[in-house]
PDB file of N, CA and C in Angstrom:
ATOM      1  N   UNK A   1     -59.684  85.990 -15.127  1.00  0.00           N
ATOM      2  CA  UNK A   1     -59.663  85.606 -13.675  1.00  0.00           C
ATOM      3  C   UNK A   1     -60.285  84.195 -13.574  1.00  0.00           C
ATOM      4  N   UNK A   2     -59.663  83.378 -12.627  1.00  0.00           N
ATOM      5  CA  UNK A   2     -60.125  82.068 -12.369  1.00  0.00           C
ATOM      6  C   UNK A   2     -61.525  82.143 -11.712  1.00  0.00           C
ATOM      7  N   UNK A   3     -62.205  81.054 -11.819  1.00  0.00           N
ATOM      8  CA  UNK A   3     -63.561  80.997 -11.095  1.00  0.00           C
ATOM      9  C   UNK A   3     -63.431  80.113  -9.898  1.00  0.00           C
ATOM     10  N   UNK A   4     -64.270  80.324  -8.970  1.00  0.00           N
ATOM     11  CA  UNK A   4     -64.434  79.507  -7.778  1.00  0.00           C
ATOM     12  C   UNK A   4     -65.209  78.210  -8.223  1.00  0.00           C
ATOM     13  N   UNK A   5     -64.690  77.100  -7.828  1.00  0.00           N
ATOM     14  CA  UNK A   5     -65.367  75.858  -8.141  1.00  0.00           C
ATOM     15  C   UNK A   5     -66.110  75.397  -6.877  1.00  0.00           C
ATOM     16  N   UNK A   6     -67.129  74.600  -6.994  1.00  0.00           N
ATOM     17  CA  UNK A   6     -67.875  74.064  -5.905  1.00  0.00           C
ATOM     18  C   UNK A   6     -67.503  72.575  -5.807  1.00  0.00           C
ATOM     19  N   UNK A   7     -67.376  72.145  -4.537  1.00  0.00           N
ATOM     20  CA  UNK A   7     -67.150  70.678  -4.311  1.00  0.00           C
ATOM     21  C   UNK A   7     -68.226  70.205  -3.389  1.00  0.00           C
ATOM     22  N   UNK A   8     -68.793  69.013  -3.718  1.00  0.00           N
ATOM     23  CA  UNK A   8     -69.782  68.444  -2.813  1.00  0.00           C
ATOM     24  C   UNK A   8     -69.149  67.544  -1.761  1.00  0.00           C
ATOM     25  N   UNK A   9     -69.931  67.035  -0.747  1.00  0.00           N
ATOM     26  CA  UNK A   9     -69.346  66.346   0.382  1.00  0.00           C
ATOM     27  C   UNK A   9     -68.775  65.036  -0.081  1.00  0.00           C
ATOM     28  N   UNK A  10     -69.371  64.361  -1.020  1.00  0.00           N
ATOM     29  CA  UNK A  10     -68.901  63.037  -1.478  1.00  0.00           C
ATOM     30  C   UNK A  10     -67.576  63.156  -2.169  1.00  0.00           C
ATOM     31  N   UNK A  11     -67.439  64.121  -3.015  1.00  0.00           N
ATOM     32  CA  UNK A  11     -66.158  64.309  -3.719  1.00  0.00           C
ATOM     33  C   UNK A  11     -65.053  64.762  -2.673  1.00  0.00           C
ATOM     34  N   UNK A  12     -65.401  65.625  -1.792  1.00  0.00           N
ATOM     35  CA  UNK A  12     -64.399  66.063  -0.800  1.00  0.00           C
ATOM     36  C   UNK A  12     -64.072  64.852   0.169  1.00  0.00           C
ATOM     37  N   UNK A  13     -64.984  64.039   0.448  1.00  0.00           N
ATOM     38  CA  UNK A  13     -64.642  62.810   1.345  1.00  0.00           C
ATOM     39  C   UNK A  13     -63.637  61.951   0.578  1.00  0.00           C
ATOM     40  N   UNK A  14     -63.861  61.747  -0.784  1.00  0.00           N
ATOM     41  CA  UNK A  14     -62.890  61.050  -1.505  1.00  0.00           C
ATOM     42  C   UNK A  14     -61.489  61.625  -1.472  1.00  0.00           C
ATOM     43  N   UNK A  15     -61.430  62.924  -1.629  1.00  0.00           N
ATOM     44  CA  UNK A  15     -60.118  63.648  -1.515  1.00  0.00           C
ATOM     45  C   UNK A  15     -59.467  63.437  -0.204  1.00  0.00           C
ATOM     46  N   UNK A  16     -60.285  63.549   0.858  1.00  0.00           N
ATOM     47  CA  UNK A  16     -59.769  63.436   2.284  1.00  0.00           C
ATOM     48  C   UNK A  16     -59.276  61.995   2.446  1.00  0.00           C
ATOM     49  N   UNK A  17     -60.105  61.036   1.995  1.00  0.00           N
ATOM     50  CA  UNK A  17     -59.734  59.623   2.164  1.00  0.00           C
ATOM     51  C   UNK A  17     -58.499  59.246   1.428  1.00  0.00           C
ATOM     52  N   UNK A  18     -58.401  59.753   0.181  1.00  0.00           N
ATOM     53  CA  UNK A  18     -57.201  59.478  -0.691  1.00  0.00           C
ATOM     54  C   UNK A  18     -55.939  60.198  -0.253  1.00  0.00           C
ATOM     55  N   UNK A  19     -56.153  61.186   0.677  1.00  0.00           N
ATOM     56  CA  UNK A  19     -55.070  62.078   1.047  1.00  0.00           C
ATOM     57  C   UNK A  19     -54.521  62.816  -0.121  1.00  0.00           C
ATOM     58  N   UNK A  20     -55.492  63.263  -1.025  1.00  0.00           N
ATOM     59  CA  UNK A  20     -55.172  64.024  -2.240  1.00  0.00           C
ATOM     60  C   UNK A  20     -54.328  65.310  -1.832  1.00  0.00           C
ATOM     61  N   UNK A  21     -53.599  65.785  -2.841  1.00  0.00           N
ATOM     62  CA  UNK A  21     -52.748  66.890  -2.657  1.00  0.00           C
ATOM     63  C   UNK A  21     -53.531  68.196  -2.690  1.00  0.00           C
ATOM     64  N   UNK A  22     -54.064  68.676  -1.585  1.00  0.00           N
ATOM     65  CA  UNK A  22     -54.727  69.958  -1.480  1.00  0.00           C
ATOM     66  C   UNK A  22     -54.705  70.426  -0.088  1.00  0.00           C
ATOM     67  N   UNK A  23     -55.080  71.739  -0.001  1.00  0.00           N
ATOM     68  CA  UNK A  23     -55.111  72.373   1.345  1.00  0.00           C
ATOM     69  C   UNK A  23     -56.575  72.560   1.741  1.00  0.00           C
ATOM     70  N   UNK A  24     -56.998  72.028   2.905  1.00  0.00           N
ATOM     71  CA  UNK A  24     -58.380  72.219   3.286  1.00  0.00           C
ATOM     72  C   UNK A  24     -58.382  73.216   4.461  1.00  0.00           C
ATOM     73  N   UNK A  25     -59.107  74.310   4.315  1.00  0.00           N
ATOM     74  CA  UNK A  25     -59.125  75.360   5.290  1.00  0.00           C
ATOM     75  C   UNK A  25     -60.481  75.576   5.871  1.00  0.00           C
ATOM     76  N   UNK A  26     -60.508  75.386   7.294  1.00  0.00           N
ATOM     77  CA  UNK A  26     -61.693  75.610   8.011  1.00  0.00           C
ATOM     78  C   UNK A  26     -61.726  77.007   8.548  1.00  0.00           C
ATOM     79  N   UNK A  27     -62.674  77.826   8.098  1.00  0.00           N
ATOM     80  CA  UNK A  27     -62.656  79.244   8.480  1.00  0.00           C
ATOM     81  C   UNK A  27     -63.592  79.551   9.661  1.00  0.00           C
ATOM     82  N   UNK A  28     -64.046  78.509  10.330  1.00  0.00           N
ATOM     83  CA  UNK A  28     -64.885  78.734  11.494  1.00  0.00           C
ATOM     84  C   UNK A  28     -63.954  79.228  12.668  1.00  0.00           C
ATOM     85  N   UNK A  29     -64.542  79.635  13.748  1.00  0.00           N
ATOM     86  CA  UNK A  29     -63.731  80.118  14.871  1.00  0.00           C
ATOM     87  C   UNK A  29     -62.867  78.932  15.493  1.00  0.00           C
ATOM     88  N   UNK A  30     -61.848  79.303  16.171  1.00  0.00           N
ATOM     89  CA  UNK A  30     -60.928  78.269  16.661  1.00  0.00           C
ATOM     90  C   UNK A  30     -61.560  77.246  17.700  1.00  0.00           C
ATOM     91  N   UNK A  31     -62.478  77.801  18.420  1.00  0.00           N
ATOM     92  CA  UNK A  31     -63.120  76.901  19.435  1.00  0.00           C
ATOM     93  C   UNK A  31     -63.899  75.807  18.827  1.00  0.00           C
ATOM     94  N   UNK A  32     -64.726  76.164  17.716  1.00  0.00           N
ATOM     95  CA  UNK A  32     -65.494  75.234  17.006  1.00  0.00           C
ATOM     96  C   UNK A  32     -64.585  74.204  16.235  1.00  0.00           C
ATOM     97  N   UNK A  33     -63.489  74.767  15.703  1.00  0.00           N
ATOM     98  CA  UNK A  33     -62.467  73.823  15.017  1.00  0.00           C
ATOM     99  C   UNK A  33     -61.898  72.860  15.991  1.00  0.00           C
ATOM    100  N   UNK A  34     -61.560  73.281  17.134  1.00  0.00           N
ATOM    101  CA  UNK A  34     -60.972  72.376  18.176  1.00  0.00           C
ATOM    102  C   UNK A  34     -62.022  71.309  18.604  1.00  0.00           C
ATOM    103  N   UNK A  35     -63.186  71.700  18.685  1.00  0.00           N
ATOM    104  CA  UNK A  35     -64.251  70.804  19.097  1.00  0.00           C
ATOM    105  C   UNK A  35     -64.491  69.681  18.026  1.00  0.00           C
ATOM    106  N   UNK A  36     -64.394  70.056  16.699  1.00  0.00           N
ATOM    107  CA  UNK A  36     -64.616  69.100  15.720  1.00  0.00           C
ATOM    108  C   UNK A  36     -64.347  69.725  14.312  1.00  0.00           C
ATOM    109  N   UNK A  37     -63.694  68.953  13.429  1.00  0.00           N
ATOM    110  CA  UNK A  37     -63.417  69.452  12.101  1.00  0.00           C
ATOM    111  C   UNK A  37     -63.187  68.245  11.117  1.00  0.00           C
ATOM    112  N   UNK A  38     -63.242  68.599   9.887  1.00  0.00           N
ATOM    113  CA  UNK A  38     -62.989  67.658   8.843  1.00  0.00           C
ATOM    114  C   UNK A  38     -61.488  67.218   8.918  1.00  0.00           C
ATOM    115  N   UNK A  39     -61.238  65.848   8.894  1.00  0.00           N
ATOM    116  CA  UNK A  39     -59.866  65.344   9.066  1.00  0.00           C
ATOM    117  C   UNK A  39     -58.886  66.084   8.039  1.00  0.00           C
ATOM    118  N   UNK A  40     -57.796  66.530   8.540  1.00  0.00           N
ATOM    119  CA  UNK A  40     -56.751  67.111   7.722  1.00  0.00           C
ATOM    120  C   UNK A  40     -56.914  68.645   7.589  1.00  0.00           C
ATOM    121  N   UNK A  41     -58.049  69.219   8.012  1.00  0.00           N
ATOM    122  CA  UNK A  41     -58.225  70.651   7.836  1.00  0.00           C
ATOM    123  C   UNK A  41     -57.348  71.450   8.795  1.00  0.00           C
ATOM    124  N   UNK A  42     -56.961  72.605   8.249  1.00  0.00           N
ATOM    125  CA  UNK A  42     -56.218  73.615   8.965  1.00  0.00           C
ATOM    126  C   UNK A  42     -57.144  74.717   9.291  1.00  0.00           C
ATOM    127  N   UNK A  43     -56.991  75.391  10.455  1.00  0.00           N
ATOM    128  CA  UNK A  43     -58.022  76.404  10.830  1.00  0.00           C
ATOM    129  C   UNK A  43     -57.326  77.779  10.722  1.00  0.00           C
ATOM    130  N   UNK A  44     -57.977  78.683   9.913  1.00  0.00           N
ATOM    131  CA  UNK A  44     -57.667  80.024   9.813  1.00  0.00           C
ATOM    132  C   UNK A  44     -59.027  80.650   9.937  1.00  0.00           C
ATOM    133  N   UNK A  45     -59.360  81.063  11.148  1.00  0.00           N
ATOM    134  CA  UNK A  45     -60.670  81.639  11.412  1.00  0.00           C
ATOM    135  C   UNK A  45     -60.864  82.992  10.696  1.00  0.00           C
ATOM    136  N   UNK A  46     -62.087  83.309  10.335  1.00  0.00           N
ATOM    137  CA  UNK A  46     -62.378  84.588   9.713  1.00  0.00           C
ATOM    138  C   UNK A  46     -61.905  85.705  10.568  1.00  0.00           C
ATOM    139  N   UNK A  47     -61.755  85.561  11.915  1.00  0.00           N
ATOM    140  CA  UNK A  47     -61.380  86.615  12.780  1.00  0.00           C
ATOM    141  C   UNK A  47     -59.799  86.916  12.628  1.00  0.00           C
ATOM    142  N   UNK A  48     -59.090  86.034  11.983  1.00  0.00           N
ATOM    143  CA  UNK A  48     -57.634  86.255  11.807  1.00  0.00           C
ATOM    144  C   UNK A  48     -57.306  87.566  11.206  1.00  0.00           C
ATOM    145  N   UNK A  49     -56.375  88.339  11.858  1.00  0.00           N
ATOM    146  CA  UNK A  49     -56.051  89.641  11.361  1.00  0.00           C
ATOM    147  C   UNK A  49     -55.175  89.600  10.130  1.00  0.00           C
ATOM    148  N   UNK A  50     -54.579  88.478   9.830  1.00  0.00           N
ATOM    149  CA  UNK A  50     -53.759  88.317   8.602  1.00  0.00           C
ATOM    150  C   UNK A  50     -54.187  87.057   7.904  1.00  0.00           C
ATOM    151  N   UNK A  51     -55.418  86.999   7.508  1.00  0.00           N
ATOM    152  CA  UNK A  51     -55.946  85.792   6.846  1.00  0.00           C
ATOM    153  C   UNK A  51     -55.180  85.376   5.608  1.00  0.00           C
ATOM    154  N   UNK A  52     -54.886  86.400   4.751  1.00  0.00           N
ATOM    155  CA  UNK A  52     -54.245  86.022   3.500  1.00  0.00           C
ATOM    156  C   UNK A  52     -52.816  85.617   3.761  1.00  0.00           C
ATOM    157  N   UNK A  53     -52.168  86.203   4.776  1.00  0.00           N
ATOM    158  CA  UNK A  53     -50.794  85.799   5.170  1.00  0.00           C
ATOM    159  C   UNK A  53     -50.774  84.349   5.712  1.00  0.00           C
ATOM    160  N   UNK A  54     -51.801  84.018   6.461  1.00  0.00           N
ATOM    161  CA  UNK A  54     -51.910  82.675   7.025  1.00  0.00           C
ATOM    162  C   UNK A  54     -52.138  81.665   5.847  1.00  0.00           C
ATOM    163  N   UNK A  55     -53.001  81.974   4.927  1.00  0.00           N
ATOM    164  CA  UNK A  55     -53.228  81.148   3.778  1.00  0.00           C
ATOM    165  C   UNK A  55     -51.987  80.866   3.027  1.00  0.00           C
ATOM    166  N   UNK A  56     -51.187  81.961   2.804  1.00  0.00           N
ATOM    167  CA  UNK A  56     -49.939  81.809   1.969  1.00  0.00           C
ATOM    168  C   UNK A  56     -48.893  80.950   2.653  1.00  0.00           C
ATOM    169  N   UNK A  57     -49.024  80.808   4.002  1.00  0.00           N
ATOM    170  CA  UNK A  57     -48.138  79.902   4.689  1.00  0.00           C
ATOM    171  C   UNK A  57     -48.457  78.401   4.408  1.00  0.00           C
ATOM    172  N   UNK A  58     -49.738  78.214   4.270  1.00  0.00           N
ATOM    173  CA  UNK A  58     -50.198  76.820   3.922  1.00  0.00           C
ATOM    174  C   UNK A  58     -50.076  76.511   2.475  1.00  0.00           C
ATOM    175  N   UNK A  59     -50.319  77.555   1.634  1.00  0.00           N
ATOM    176  CA  UNK A  59     -50.361  77.323   0.152  1.00  0.00           C
ATOM    177  C   UNK A  59     -49.520  78.491  -0.470  1.00  0.00           C
ATOM    178  N   UNK A  60     -48.210  78.394  -0.439  1.00  0.00           N
ATOM    179  CA  UNK A  60     -47.366  79.451  -0.929  1.00  0.00           C
ATOM    180  C   UNK A  60     -47.473  79.547  -2.567  1.00  0.00           C
ATOM    181  N   UNK A  61     -47.643  78.358  -3.149  1.00  0.00           N
ATOM    182  CA  UNK A  61     -47.813  78.292  -4.570  1.00  0.00           C
ATOM    183  C   UNK A  61     -49.303  78.591  -4.896  1.00  0.00           C
ATOM    184  N   UNK A  62     -49.533  79.593  -5.666  1.00  0.00           N
ATOM    185  CA  UNK A  62     -50.915  79.932  -5.952  1.00  0.00           C
ATOM    186  C   UNK A  62     -51.637  78.991  -6.902  1.00  0.00           C
ATOM    187  N   UNK A  63     -50.894  77.950  -7.353  1.00  0.00           N
ATOM    188  CA  UNK A  63     -51.510  76.833  -8.212  1.00  0.00           C
ATOM    189  C   UNK A  63     -52.012  75.716  -7.245  1.00  0.00           C
ATOM    190  N   UNK A  64     -51.661  75.817  -5.975  1.00  0.00           N
ATOM    191  CA  UNK A  64     -52.101  74.758  -5.006  1.00  0.00           C
ATOM    192  C   UNK A  64     -53.679  74.749  -5.016  1.00  0.00           C
ATOM    193  N   UNK A  65     -54.194  73.523  -4.942  1.00  0.00           N
ATOM    194  CA  UNK A  65     -55.686  73.429  -4.775  1.00  0.00           C
ATOM    195  C   UNK A  65     -56.004  73.711  -3.341  1.00  0.00           C
ATOM    196  N   UNK A  66     -56.941  74.653  -3.211  1.00  0.00           N
ATOM    197  CA  UNK A  66     -57.381  75.071  -1.834  1.00  0.00           C
ATOM    198  C   UNK A  66     -58.873  74.839  -1.763  1.00  0.00           C
ATOM    199  N   UNK A  67     -59.343  74.198  -0.713  1.00  0.00           N
ATOM    200  CA  UNK A  67     -60.797  74.039  -0.413  1.00  0.00           C
ATOM    201  C   UNK A  67     -61.094  74.803   0.865  1.00  0.00           C
ATOM    202  N   UNK A  68     -62.150  75.597   0.790  1.00  0.00           N
ATOM    203  CA  UNK A  68     -62.568  76.400   1.948  1.00  0.00           C
ATOM    204  C   UNK A  68     -63.899  75.928   2.438  1.00  0.00           C
ATOM    205  N   UNK A  69     -64.081  75.832   3.792  1.00  0.00           N
ATOM    206  CA  UNK A  69     -65.410  75.563   4.275  1.00  0.00           C
ATOM    207  C   UNK A  69     -65.635  76.331   5.628  1.00  0.00           C
ATOM    208  N   UNK A  70     -66.876  76.492   5.977  1.00  0.00           N
ATOM    209  CA  UNK A  70     -67.336  77.127   7.160  1.00  0.00           C
ATOM    210  C   UNK A  70     -68.410  76.277   7.787  1.00  0.00           C
ATOM    211  N   UNK A  71     -69.410  76.899   8.460  1.00  0.00           N
ATOM    212  CA  UNK A  71     -70.432  76.105   9.139  1.00  0.00           C
ATOM    213  C   UNK A  71     -71.447  75.551   8.099  1.00  0.00           C
ATOM    214  N   UNK A  72     -72.033  76.373   7.311  1.00  0.00           N
ATOM    215  CA  UNK A  72     -73.100  75.898   6.434  1.00  0.00           C
ATOM    216  C   UNK A  72     -73.013  76.537   5.000  1.00  0.00           C
ATOM    217  N   UNK A  73     -71.832  77.116   4.656  1.00  0.00           N
ATOM    218  CA  UNK A  73     -71.728  77.652   3.379  1.00  0.00           C
ATOM    219  C   UNK A  73     -72.096  79.086   3.162  1.00  0.00           C
ATOM    220  N   UNK A  74     -72.261  79.888   4.253  1.00  0.00           N
ATOM    221  CA  UNK A  74     -72.586  81.314   4.137  1.00  0.00           C
ATOM    222  C   UNK A  74     -71.363  82.178   3.926  1.00  0.00           C
ATOM    223  N   UNK A  75     -70.220  81.819   4.522  1.00  0.00           N
ATOM    224  CA  UNK A  75     -69.021  82.704   4.462  1.00  0.00           C
ATOM    225  C   UNK A  75     -67.952  82.146   3.520  1.00  0.00           C
ATOM    226  N   UNK A  76     -67.998  80.830   3.362  1.00  0.00           N
ATOM    227  CA  UNK A  76     -66.871  80.308   2.439  1.00  0.00           C
ATOM    228  C   UNK A  76     -66.880  80.792   1.084  1.00  0.00           C
ATOM    229  N   UNK A  77     -67.966  81.131   0.396  1.00  0.00           N
ATOM    230  CA  UNK A  77     -67.920  81.586  -0.986  1.00  0.00           C
ATOM    231  C   UNK A  77     -67.169  82.946  -1.054  1.00  0.00           C
ATOM    232  N   UNK A  78     -67.360  83.826  -0.084  1.00  0.00           N
ATOM    233  CA  UNK A  78     -66.710  85.100   0.011  1.00  0.00           C
ATOM    234  C   UNK A  78     -65.223  84.992   0.153  1.00  0.00           C
ATOM    235  N   UNK A  79     -64.817  84.062   1.088  1.00  0.00           N
ATOM    236  CA  UNK A  79     -63.420  83.845   1.282  1.00  0.00           C
ATOM    237  C   UNK A  79     -62.778  83.186   0.016  1.00  0.00           C
ATOM    238  N   UNK A  80     -63.414  82.235  -0.614  1.00  0.00           N
ATOM    239  CA  UNK A  80     -62.888  81.604  -1.867  1.00  0.00           C
ATOM    240  C   UNK A  80     -62.760  82.718  -2.954  1.00  0.00           C
ATOM    241  N   UNK A  81     -63.711  83.551  -2.984  1.00  0.00           N
ATOM    242  CA  UNK A  81     -63.589  84.680  -4.024  1.00  0.00           C
ATOM    243  C   UNK A  81     -62.399  85.540  -3.743  1.00  0.00           C
ATOM    244  N   UNK A  82     -62.197  85.880  -2.463  1.00  0.00           N
ATOM    245  CA  UNK A  82     -61.027  86.702  -2.061  1.00  0.00           C
ATOM    246  C   UNK A  82     -59.653  85.994  -2.509  1.00  0.00           C
ATOM    247  N   UNK A  83     -59.595  84.702  -2.378  1.00  0.00           N
ATOM    248  CA  UNK A  83     -58.378  84.008  -2.765  1.00  0.00           C
ATOM    249  C   UNK A  83     -58.230  84.008  -4.279  1.00  0.00           C
ATOM    250  N   UNK A  84     -59.252  83.917  -4.930  1.00  0.00           N
ATOM    251  CA  UNK A  84     -59.251  83.981  -6.494  1.00  0.00           C
ATOM    252  C   UNK A  84     -58.673  85.424  -6.861  1.00  0.00           C
ATOM    253  N   UNK A  85     -59.219  86.423  -6.225  1.00  0.00           N
ATOM    254  CA  UNK A  85     -58.837  87.823  -6.448  1.00  0.00           C
ATOM    255  C   UNK A  85     -57.367  88.050  -6.279  1.00  0.00           C
ATOM    256  N   UNK A  86     -56.771  87.370  -5.304  1.00  0.00           N
ATOM    257  CA  UNK A  86     -55.345  87.614  -5.065  1.00  0.00           C
ATOM    258  C   UNK A  86     -54.441  86.671  -5.773  1.00  0.00           C
ATOM    259  N   UNK A  87     -55.093  85.835  -6.722  1.00  0.00           N
ATOM    260  CA  UNK A  87     -54.285  85.039  -7.641  1.00  0.00           C
ATOM    261  C   UNK A  87     -54.242  83.543  -7.507  1.00  0.00           C
ATOM    262  N   UNK A  88     -55.008  82.993  -6.568  1.00  0.00           N
ATOM    263  CA  UNK A  88     -55.053  81.568  -6.465  1.00  0.00           C
ATOM    264  C   UNK A  88     -55.863  81.035  -7.617  1.00  0.00           C
ATOM    265  N   UNK A  89     -55.367  79.870  -8.194  1.00  0.00           N
ATOM    266  CA  UNK A  89     -55.907  79.474  -9.477  1.00  0.00           C
ATOM    267  C   UNK A  89     -56.840  78.244  -9.337  1.00  0.00           C
ATOM    268  N   UNK A  90     -56.859  77.545  -8.188  1.00  0.00           N
ATOM    269  CA  UNK A  90     -57.612  76.314  -8.075  1.00  0.00           C
ATOM    270  C   UNK A  90     -58.293  76.294  -6.723  1.00  0.00           C
ATOM    271  N   UNK A  91     -59.354  77.054  -6.582  1.00  0.00           N
ATOM    272  CA  UNK A  91     -60.060  77.304  -5.309  1.00  0.00           C
ATOM    273  C   UNK A  91     -61.490  76.643  -5.369  1.00  0.00           C
ATOM    274  N   UNK A  92     -61.729  75.894  -4.333  1.00  0.00           N
ATOM    275  CA  UNK A  92     -63.077  75.227  -4.238  1.00  0.00           C
ATOM    276  C   UNK A  92     -63.763  75.727  -3.009  1.00  0.00           C
ATOM    277  N   UNK A  93     -65.073  75.817  -3.098  1.00  0.00           N
ATOM    278  CA  UNK A  93     -65.903  76.182  -1.944  1.00  0.00           C
ATOM    279  C   UNK A  93     -66.681  74.821  -1.621  1.00  0.00           C
ATOM    280  N   UNK A  94     -66.499  74.413  -0.433  1.00  0.00           N
ATOM    281  CA  UNK A  94     -67.341  73.280   0.056  1.00  0.00           C
ATOM    282  C   UNK A  94     -68.573  73.938   0.686  1.00  0.00           C
ATOM    283  N   UNK A  95     -69.565  74.113  -0.107  1.00  0.00           N
ATOM    284  CA  UNK A  95     -70.804  74.927   0.219  1.00  0.00           C
ATOM    285  C   UNK A  95     -71.601  74.333   1.317  1.00  0.00           C
ATOM    286  N   UNK A  96     -71.543  73.093   1.458  1.00  0.00           N
ATOM    287  CA  UNK A  96     -72.373  72.456   2.589  1.00  0.00           C
ATOM    288  C   UNK A  96     -71.781  72.676   3.868  1.00  0.00           C
ATOM    289  N   UNK A  97     -70.475  72.891   4.012  1.00  0.00           N
ATOM    290  CA  UNK A  97     -69.830  73.169   5.293  1.00  0.00           C
ATOM    291  C   UNK A  97     -69.871  72.056   6.255  1.00  0.00           C
ATOM    292  N   UNK A  98     -69.448  72.344   7.428  1.00  0.00           N
ATOM    293  CA  UNK A  98     -69.379  71.348   8.448  1.00  0.00           C
ATOM    294  C   UNK A  98     -70.744  70.669   8.783  1.00  0.00           C
ATOM    295  N   UNK A  99     -71.763  71.474   8.648  1.00  0.00           N
ATOM    296  CA  UNK A  99     -73.130  70.938   8.887  1.00  0.00           C
ATOM    297  C   UNK A  99     -73.464  69.731   7.908  1.00  0.00           C
ATOM    298  N   UNK A 100     -73.145  69.955   6.704  1.00  0.00           N
ATOM    299  CA  UNK A 100     -73.411  68.973   5.713  1.00  0.00           C
ATOM    300  C   UNK A 100     -72.481  67.713   5.933  1.00  0.00           C
ATOM    301  N   UNK A 101     -71.216  67.962   6.277  1.00  0.00           N
ATOM    302  CA  UNK A 101     -70.328  66.816   6.466  1.00  0.00           C
ATOM    303  C   UNK A 101     -70.796  66.010   7.674  1.00  0.00           C
ATOM    304  N   UNK A 102     -71.244  66.655   8.686  1.00  0.00           N
ATOM    305  CA  UNK A 102     -71.745  65.998   9.922  1.00  0.00           C
ATOM    306  C   UNK A 102     -73.084  65.209   9.542  1.00  0.00           C
ATOM    307  N   UNK A 103     -73.950  65.875   8.787  1.00  0.00           N
ATOM    308  CA  UNK A 103     -75.231  65.294   8.464  1.00  0.00           C
ATOM    309  C   UNK A 103     -74.972  63.928   7.679  1.00  0.00           C
ATOM    310  N   UNK A 104     -73.859  63.844   6.903  1.00  0.00           N
ATOM    311  CA  UNK A 104     -73.589  62.705   6.152  1.00  0.00           C
ATOM    312  C   UNK A 104     -73.010  61.548   7.100  1.00  0.00           C
ATOM    313  N   UNK A 105     -72.645  61.938   8.223  1.00  0.00           N
ATOM    314  CA  UNK A 105     -72.049  60.879   9.155  1.00  0.00           C
ATOM    315  C   UNK A 105     -70.583  60.574   8.837  1.00  0.00           C
ATOM    316  N   UNK A 106     -69.916  61.458   8.135  1.00  0.00           N
ATOM    317  CA  UNK A 106     -68.566  61.266   7.786  1.00  0.00           C
ATOM    318  C   UNK A 106     -67.555  61.433   8.946  1.00  0.00           C
ATOM    319  N   UNK A 107     -66.433  60.826   8.865  1.00  0.00           N
ATOM    320  CA  UNK A 107     -65.471  60.901  10.001  1.00  0.00           C
ATOM    321  C   UNK A 107     -65.081  62.391  10.281  1.00  0.00           C
ATOM    322  N   UNK A 108     -64.857  62.691  11.579  1.00  0.00           N
ATOM    323  CA  UNK A 108     -64.391  63.951  11.990  1.00  0.00           C
ATOM    324  C   UNK A 108     -63.211  63.789  12.932  1.00  0.00           C
ATOM    325  N   UNK A 109     -62.455  64.879  13.075  1.00  0.00           N
ATOM    326  CA  UNK A 109     -61.379  64.845  14.152  1.00  0.00           C
ATOM    327  C   UNK A 109     -61.973  65.698  15.279  1.00  0.00           C
ATOM    328  N   UNK A 110     -61.859  65.109  16.412  1.00  0.00           N
ATOM    329  CA  UNK A 110     -62.312  65.776  17.632  1.00  0.00           C
ATOM    330  C   UNK A 110     -61.200  65.618  18.691  1.00  0.00           C
ATOM    331  N   UNK A 111     -60.793  66.785  19.159  1.00  0.00           N
ATOM    332  CA  UNK A 111     -59.764  66.816  20.197  1.00  0.00           C
ATOM    333  C   UNK A 111     -58.548  65.974  19.785  1.00  0.00           C
ATOM    334  N   UNK A 112     -58.143  66.050  18.549  1.00  0.00           N
ATOM    335  CA  UNK A 112     -56.990  65.326  18.018  1.00  0.00           C
ATOM    336  C   UNK A 112     -57.212  63.842  17.759  1.00  0.00           C
ATOM    337  N   UNK A 113     -58.404  63.322  17.863  1.00  0.00           N
ATOM    338  CA  UNK A 113     -58.756  61.899  17.643  1.00  0.00           C
ATOM    339  C   UNK A 113     -59.746  61.770  16.453  1.00  0.00           C
ATOM    340  N   UNK A 114     -59.509  60.768  15.708  1.00  0.00           N
ATOM    341  CA  UNK A 114     -60.502  60.467  14.556  1.00  0.00           C
ATOM    342  C   UNK A 114     -61.757  59.836  15.167  1.00  0.00           C
ATOM    343  N   UNK A 115     -62.843  60.374  14.793  1.00  0.00           N
ATOM    344  CA  UNK A 115     -64.147  59.760  15.223  1.00  0.00           C
ATOM    345  C   UNK A 115     -64.937  59.295  13.945  1.00  0.00           C
ATOM    346  N   UNK A 116     -65.134  57.979  13.931  1.00  0.00           N
ATOM    347  CA  UNK A 116     -65.841  57.320  12.750  1.00  0.00           C
ATOM    348  C   UNK A 116     -67.205  57.014  13.228  1.00  0.00           C
ATOM    349  N   UNK A 117     -68.268  57.427  12.450  1.00  0.00           N
ATOM    350  CA  UNK A 117     -69.692  57.142  12.765  1.00  0.00           C
ATOM    351  C   UNK A 117     -70.305  56.279  11.796  1.00  0.00           C
TER     352      UNK A 117
END
């Protein structure tokens, strides 16, 4: 079975800036996502009744690189593990989460607009 990989904020920022070919999934609740999220992230909140179905719409090929993040890294490892168990081969956990991204002062999307700090 594949292992979950960890990605730090600097490497993730590079991927986001380069528009690398990967799916970035924000598992926080939809209200927090709308308020602010990492640019390019798609929201599938943990409360979703069909989480795996929603993921498969974003990444139908299980070889797709998927990065999962939450608030501060408490929930994302469990979700990443679940994806590996159902056959995803290239899963990363951004363990710092939105808190770490914000602390670094990296750009965020807020209400559909890019905010650079």
